[in-house]
Amino acid sequence: MKKTLLALTIALSLSACASNPYDLDSSVYYYQLNNTPITISFDSDANRFSGKVVNNYFGTYEQHENSVTLHPLGATMMMGPENAMQAEQEWMQILLHVKNIQQIDNHLIFTLSNGTKIRLVK
């Protein structure tokens, strides 16, 4: 009886962890800001994200269902056109204000702390 109960408990625990509808997939998502292309992708196994504007950037994130906090950690230090460098600075600020993430079809939707929604495309 104890073995059966233990096996059932383990099976239920594993099935609960197996499918999280809010898991971020590893697809690359695209956005454009000031005519500058931006990419971002997530590694849900390591809770990391990375992408590129002018420079490559990376960081970690904490996620609780669809609520998320992004922690940008670093970026390369190349120079680019002024409008692209401004877009990059703005993008890094946007990442600090992301509070919720939703995946809908081929889109990733960031909701910022002020309620603004940003739609990225796969």
N, C-alpha and C. Protein backbone atom coordinates (compact mmCIF):
# COMPACT_ATOMS: atom_id res chain seq x y z
N MET A 1 0.83 -1.20 0.00
CA MET A 1 0.00 0.00 0.00
C MET A 1 0.86 1.26 0.00
N LYS A 2 1.90 1.27 0.87
CA LYS A 2 2.78 2.44 0.93
C LYS A 2 3.51 2.64 -0.39
N LYS A 3 3.94 1.53 -1.02
CA LYS A 3 4.65 1.63 -2.29
C LYS A 3 3.73 2.17 -3.38
N THR A 4 2.49 1.73 -3.38
CA THR A 4 1.53 2.20 -4.37
C THR A 4 1.26 3.69 -4.19
N LEU A 5 1.08 4.11 -2.95
CA LEU A 5 0.84 5.52 -2.66
C LEU A 5 2.05 6.37 -3.06
N LEU A 6 3.26 5.89 -2.77
CA LEU A 6 4.47 6.61 -3.14
C LEU A 6 4.59 6.72 -4.66
N ALA A 7 4.34 5.62 -5.36
CA ALA A 7 4.41 5.63 -6.83
C ALA A 7 3.39 6.60 -7.41
N LEU A 8 2.19 6.62 -6.88
CA LEU A 8 1.14 7.51 -7.35
C LEU A 8 1.52 8.97 -7.10
N THR A 9 2.07 9.26 -5.93
CA THR A 9 2.49 10.61 -5.59
C THR A 9 3.58 11.10 -6.53
N ILE A 10 4.56 10.25 -6.81
CA ILE A 10 5.65 10.61 -7.72
C ILE A 10 5.11 10.84 -9.12
N ALA A 11 4.23 9.97 -9.58
CA ALA A 11 3.67 10.10 -10.94
C ALA A 11 2.89 11.41 -11.07
N LEU A 12 2.09 11.76 -10.07
CA LEU A 12 1.33 13.01 -10.12
C LEU A 12 2.25 14.22 -10.08
N SER A 13 3.31 14.15 -9.29
CA SER A 13 4.27 15.26 -9.22
C SER A 13 4.95 15.46 -10.56
N LEU A 14 5.37 14.39 -11.18
CA LEU A 14 6.05 14.50 -12.47
C LEU A 14 5.12 15.01 -13.55
N SER A 15 3.88 14.56 -13.54
CA SER A 15 2.96 15.03 -14.57
C SER A 15 2.62 16.50 -14.39
N ALA A 16 2.61 16.97 -13.15
CA ALA A 16 2.34 18.39 -12.91
C ALA A 16 3.47 19.25 -13.43
N CYS A 17 4.70 18.76 -13.37
CA CYS A 17 5.86 19.52 -13.85
C CYS A 17 6.05 19.39 -15.35
N ALA A 18 5.47 18.40 -15.95
CA ALA A 18 5.76 18.09 -17.34
C ALA A 18 5.23 19.14 -18.31
N SER A 19 4.09 19.74 -18.01
CA SER A 19 3.56 20.70 -18.98
C SER A 19 3.14 21.98 -18.28
N ASN A 20 3.92 23.00 -18.44
CA ASN A 20 3.60 24.32 -17.92
C ASN A 20 3.18 25.18 -19.10
N PRO A 21 1.94 25.63 -19.14
CA PRO A 21 1.48 26.40 -20.30
C PRO A 21 2.22 27.72 -20.47
N TYR A 22 2.98 28.14 -19.47
CA TYR A 22 3.69 29.41 -19.55
C TYR A 22 5.17 29.22 -19.85
N ASP A 23 5.61 27.98 -20.11
CA ASP A 23 7.00 27.76 -20.48
C ASP A 23 7.33 28.55 -21.73
N LEU A 24 8.43 29.27 -21.69
CA LEU A 24 8.88 30.02 -22.85
C LEU A 24 9.67 29.08 -23.75
N ASP A 25 9.30 29.02 -25.02
CA ASP A 25 10.03 28.14 -25.91
C ASP A 25 11.32 28.82 -26.37
N SER A 26 12.16 28.07 -27.03
CA SER A 26 13.48 28.59 -27.42
C SER A 26 13.48 29.28 -28.78
N SER A 27 12.31 29.56 -29.31
CA SER A 27 12.22 30.25 -30.60
C SER A 27 12.82 31.64 -30.52
N VAL A 28 13.26 32.13 -31.66
CA VAL A 28 13.75 33.51 -31.75
C VAL A 28 12.57 34.39 -32.11
N TYR A 29 12.38 35.45 -31.34
CA TYR A 29 11.31 36.40 -31.58
C TYR A 29 11.92 37.72 -32.07
N TYR A 30 11.18 38.39 -32.94
CA TYR A 30 11.67 39.61 -33.59
C TYR A 30 10.78 40.79 -33.26
N TYR A 31 11.42 41.95 -33.16
CA TYR A 31 10.72 43.20 -32.91
C TYR A 31 11.50 44.28 -33.66
N GLN A 32 10.85 45.38 -33.96
CA GLN A 32 11.54 46.48 -34.63
C GLN A 32 11.25 47.76 -33.86
N LEU A 33 12.31 48.48 -33.55
CA LEU A 33 12.21 49.72 -32.79
C LEU A 33 13.07 50.76 -33.49
N ASN A 34 12.49 51.90 -33.87
CA ASN A 34 13.22 52.95 -34.60
C ASN A 34 13.91 52.38 -35.85
N ASN A 35 13.20 51.55 -36.58
CA ASN A 35 13.74 50.90 -37.79
C ASN A 35 14.97 50.03 -37.51
N THR A 36 15.10 49.55 -36.29
CA THR A 36 16.22 48.69 -35.90
C THR A 36 15.67 47.33 -35.52
N PRO A 37 16.13 46.26 -36.19
CA PRO A 37 15.65 44.92 -35.83
C PRO A 37 16.23 44.47 -34.49
N ILE A 38 15.38 43.80 -33.72
CA ILE A 38 15.75 43.30 -32.39
C ILE A 38 15.34 41.84 -32.32
N THR A 39 16.17 41.01 -31.69
CA THR A 39 15.82 39.61 -31.46
C THR A 39 15.91 39.31 -29.98
N ILE A 40 15.15 38.29 -29.56
CA ILE A 40 15.25 37.76 -28.20
C ILE A 40 14.81 36.30 -28.25
N SER A 41 15.46 35.47 -27.45
CA SER A 41 15.04 34.08 -27.28
C SER A 41 15.27 33.69 -25.83
N PHE A 42 14.57 32.65 -25.41
CA PHE A 42 14.61 32.22 -24.02
C PHE A 42 15.07 30.77 -23.93
N ASP A 43 15.81 30.45 -22.90
CA ASP A 43 16.20 29.09 -22.56
C ASP A 43 15.52 28.77 -21.23
N SER A 44 14.36 28.10 -21.30
CA SER A 44 13.59 27.87 -20.09
C SER A 44 14.25 26.85 -19.16
N ASP A 45 15.15 26.02 -19.68
CA ASP A 45 15.85 25.07 -18.81
C ASP A 45 16.82 25.79 -17.87
N ALA A 46 17.42 26.87 -18.33
CA ALA A 46 18.41 27.60 -17.53
C ALA A 46 17.90 28.96 -17.06
N ASN A 47 16.64 29.30 -17.39
CA ASN A 47 16.07 30.61 -17.06
C ASN A 47 16.96 31.76 -17.54
N ARG A 48 17.38 31.66 -18.80
CA ARG A 48 18.22 32.69 -19.41
C ARG A 48 17.54 33.20 -20.69
N PHE A 49 17.90 34.41 -21.06
CA PHE A 49 17.46 34.95 -22.34
C PHE A 49 18.65 35.61 -23.00
N SER A 50 18.55 35.77 -24.31
CA SER A 50 19.61 36.45 -25.05
C SER A 50 19.02 37.01 -26.33
N GLY A 51 19.74 37.93 -26.93
CA GLY A 51 19.26 38.51 -28.17
C GLY A 51 20.29 39.46 -28.74
N LYS A 52 19.83 40.21 -29.74
CA LYS A 52 20.72 41.14 -30.42
C LYS A 52 19.95 42.37 -30.87
N VAL A 53 20.58 43.52 -30.67
CA VAL A 53 20.12 44.77 -31.26
C VAL A 53 21.30 45.19 -32.13
N VAL A 54 22.13 46.10 -31.68
CA VAL A 54 23.44 46.33 -32.29
C VAL A 54 24.39 45.32 -31.66
N ASN A 55 24.32 45.22 -30.34
CA ASN A 55 25.15 44.31 -29.56
C ASN A 55 24.35 43.08 -29.16
N ASN A 56 25.06 42.02 -28.91
CA ASN A 56 24.45 40.84 -28.31
C ASN A 56 24.24 41.14 -26.83
N TYR A 57 23.10 40.72 -26.28
CA TYR A 57 22.83 40.93 -24.87
C TYR A 57 22.32 39.63 -24.27
N PHE A 58 22.37 39.53 -22.95
CA PHE A 58 21.95 38.31 -22.27
C PHE A 58 21.56 38.63 -20.84
N GLY A 59 20.83 37.71 -20.24
CA GLY A 59 20.43 37.88 -18.85
C GLY A 59 19.70 36.66 -18.35
N THR A 60 19.15 36.78 -17.17
CA THR A 60 18.37 35.70 -16.56
C THR A 60 16.96 36.22 -16.31
N TYR A 61 16.07 35.29 -16.00
CA TYR A 61 14.70 35.71 -15.68
C TYR A 61 14.12 34.79 -14.63
N GLU A 62 13.15 35.33 -13.91
CA GLU A 62 12.35 34.56 -12.96
C GLU A 62 10.92 34.59 -13.48
N GLN A 63 10.29 33.41 -13.46
CA GLN A 63 8.94 33.34 -14.00
C GLN A 63 8.03 32.59 -13.04
N HIS A 64 6.85 33.14 -12.83
CA HIS A 64 5.80 32.51 -12.04
C HIS A 64 4.54 32.60 -12.88
N GLU A 65 4.18 31.48 -13.52
CA GLU A 65 3.11 31.42 -14.50
C GLU A 65 3.39 32.46 -15.58
N ASN A 66 2.53 33.46 -15.79
CA ASN A 66 2.81 34.43 -16.86
C ASN A 66 3.45 35.71 -16.33
N SER A 67 3.75 35.78 -15.04
CA SER A 67 4.44 36.92 -14.47
C SER A 67 5.95 36.66 -14.56
N VAL A 68 6.69 37.66 -15.01
CA VAL A 68 8.12 37.46 -15.23
C VAL A 68 8.90 38.70 -14.83
N THR A 69 10.11 38.48 -14.37
CA THR A 69 11.06 39.56 -14.11
C THR A 69 12.32 39.24 -14.89
N LEU A 70 12.72 40.15 -15.77
CA LEU A 70 13.93 39.97 -16.56
C LEU A 70 15.08 40.71 -15.86
N HIS A 71 16.24 40.06 -15.84
CA HIS A 71 17.43 40.63 -15.24
C HIS A 71 18.53 40.71 -16.30
N PRO A 72 18.58 41.81 -17.08
CA PRO A 72 19.66 41.94 -18.06
C PRO A 72 21.01 41.98 -17.33
N LEU A 73 21.95 41.15 -17.80
CA LEU A 73 23.24 41.05 -17.12
C LEU A 73 24.37 41.72 -17.88
N GLY A 74 24.33 41.63 -19.22
CA GLY A 74 25.46 42.18 -19.94
C GLY A 74 25.21 42.23 -21.43
N ALA A 75 26.16 42.87 -22.11
CA ALA A 75 26.08 43.00 -23.56
C ALA A 75 27.48 43.25 -24.09
N THR A 76 27.64 42.94 -25.36
CA THR A 76 28.89 43.30 -26.02
C THR A 76 28.93 44.81 -26.15
N MET A 77 30.07 45.37 -26.57
CA MET A 77 30.23 46.82 -26.55
C MET A 77 30.64 47.38 -27.92
N MET A 78 29.91 47.02 -28.97
CA MET A 78 30.22 47.54 -30.30
C MET A 78 29.42 48.82 -30.54
N MET A 79 29.93 49.65 -31.42
CA MET A 79 29.23 50.87 -31.81
C MET A 79 28.43 50.61 -33.08
N GLY A 80 27.38 51.36 -33.26
CA GLY A 80 26.56 51.26 -34.46
C GLY A 80 26.00 52.61 -34.79
N PRO A 81 25.11 52.66 -35.78
CA PRO A 81 24.46 53.93 -36.13
C PRO A 81 23.72 54.51 -34.92
N GLU A 82 23.67 55.82 -34.87
CA GLU A 82 23.09 56.50 -33.71
C GLU A 82 21.66 56.04 -33.42
N ASN A 83 20.82 55.93 -34.46
CA ASN A 83 19.42 55.52 -34.22
C ASN A 83 19.36 54.09 -33.67
N ALA A 84 20.26 53.22 -34.12
CA ALA A 84 20.28 51.84 -33.62
C ALA A 84 20.77 51.79 -32.17
N MET A 85 21.74 52.63 -31.85
CA MET A 85 22.24 52.68 -30.47
C MET A 85 21.16 53.22 -29.53
N GLN A 86 20.38 54.19 -29.99
CA GLN A 86 19.27 54.70 -29.19
C GLN A 86 18.20 53.63 -29.00
N ALA A 87 17.91 52.88 -30.08
CA ALA A 87 16.93 51.79 -30.00
C ALA A 87 17.41 50.74 -28.99
N GLU A 88 18.70 50.45 -29.02
CA GLU A 88 19.25 49.46 -28.09
C GLU A 88 19.08 49.92 -26.63
N GLN A 89 19.38 51.18 -26.37
CA GLN A 89 19.21 51.70 -25.00
C GLN A 89 17.75 51.64 -24.57
N GLU A 90 16.86 52.00 -25.49
CA GLU A 90 15.43 51.95 -25.18
C GLU A 90 14.98 50.51 -24.93
N TRP A 91 15.46 49.57 -25.74
CA TRP A 91 15.10 48.16 -25.59
C TRP A 91 15.56 47.63 -24.22
N MET A 92 16.76 47.99 -23.82
CA MET A 92 17.26 47.52 -22.52
C MET A 92 16.40 48.08 -21.39
N GLN A 93 15.89 49.29 -21.53
CA GLN A 93 14.97 49.84 -20.54
C GLN A 93 13.62 49.12 -20.57
N ILE A 94 13.16 48.80 -21.76
CA ILE A 94 11.90 48.05 -21.89
C ILE A 94 12.01 46.72 -21.14
N LEU A 95 13.13 46.02 -21.32
CA LEU A 95 13.31 44.71 -20.67
C LEU A 95 13.19 44.82 -19.15
N LEU A 96 13.64 45.92 -18.59
CA LEU A 96 13.54 46.11 -17.14
C LEU A 96 12.11 46.28 -16.66
N HIS A 97 11.20 46.65 -17.56
CA HIS A 97 9.81 46.92 -17.18
C HIS A 97 8.83 45.83 -17.60
N VAL A 98 9.33 44.73 -18.17
CA VAL A 98 8.45 43.62 -18.55
C VAL A 98 7.94 42.95 -17.28
N LYS A 99 6.61 42.82 -17.18
CA LYS A 99 6.00 42.20 -16.01
C LYS A 99 5.26 40.91 -16.34
N ASN A 100 4.77 40.80 -17.56
CA ASN A 100 4.04 39.60 -17.98
C ASN A 100 4.44 39.23 -19.39
N ILE A 101 4.41 37.94 -19.66
CA ILE A 101 4.69 37.43 -21.00
C ILE A 101 3.60 36.44 -21.37
N GLN A 102 3.10 36.56 -22.58
CA GLN A 102 2.11 35.62 -23.13
C GLN A 102 2.60 35.13 -24.47
N GLN A 103 2.45 33.85 -24.74
CA GLN A 103 2.70 33.31 -26.06
C GLN A 103 1.36 33.02 -26.70
N ILE A 104 1.11 33.64 -27.84
CA ILE A 104 -0.12 33.41 -28.58
C ILE A 104 0.27 33.15 -30.02
N ASP A 105 0.03 31.94 -30.48
CA ASP A 105 0.40 31.53 -31.82
C ASP A 105 1.87 31.83 -32.08
N ASN A 106 2.17 32.65 -33.07
CA ASN A 106 3.55 32.98 -33.41
C ASN A 106 4.01 34.29 -32.78
N HIS A 107 3.33 34.71 -31.72
CA HIS A 107 3.65 35.98 -31.09
C HIS A 107 4.03 35.80 -29.63
N LEU A 108 4.90 36.65 -29.18
CA LEU A 108 5.24 36.76 -27.77
C LEU A 108 4.83 38.18 -27.38
N ILE A 109 4.01 38.30 -26.35
CA ILE A 109 3.51 39.61 -25.96
C ILE A 109 4.07 39.96 -24.59
N PHE A 110 4.84 41.05 -24.54
CA PHE A 110 5.35 41.59 -23.29
C PHE A 110 4.35 42.62 -22.80
N THR A 111 3.96 42.54 -21.55
CA THR A 111 3.18 43.60 -20.92
C THR A 111 4.10 44.29 -19.93
N LEU A 112 4.24 45.60 -20.11
CA LEU A 112 5.13 46.39 -19.27
C LEU A 112 4.40 46.84 -18.01
N SER A 113 5.16 47.32 -17.05
CA SER A 113 4.59 47.75 -15.77
C SER A 113 3.56 48.87 -15.93
N ASN A 114 3.64 49.66 -17.01
CA ASN A 114 2.66 50.73 -17.23
C ASN A 114 1.47 50.26 -18.07
N GLY A 115 1.41 48.97 -18.39
CA GLY A 115 0.31 48.41 -19.15
C GLY A 115 0.52 48.34 -20.65
N THR A 116 1.58 48.97 -21.15
CA THR A 116 1.89 48.91 -22.57
C THR A 116 2.18 47.48 -22.99
N LYS A 117 1.66 47.10 -24.15
CA LYS A 117 1.91 45.76 -24.68
C LYS A 117 2.82 45.86 -25.90
N ILE A 118 3.80 44.97 -25.94
CA ILE A 118 4.74 44.91 -27.06
C ILE A 118 4.62 43.53 -27.65
N ARG A 119 4.34 43.48 -28.96
CA ARG A 119 4.13 42.19 -29.66
C ARG A 119 5.36 41.87 -30.50
N LEU A 120 5.97 40.73 -30.19
CA LEU A 120 7.11 40.23 -30.94
C LEU A 120 6.64 39.07 -31.80
N VAL A 121 7.28 38.85 -32.92
CA VAL A 121 6.88 37.81 -33.87
C VAL A 121 7.95 36.75 -33.97
N LYS A 122 7.52 35.50 -34.07
CA LYS A 122 8.44 34.38 -34.23
C LYS A 122 9.09 34.42 -35.58
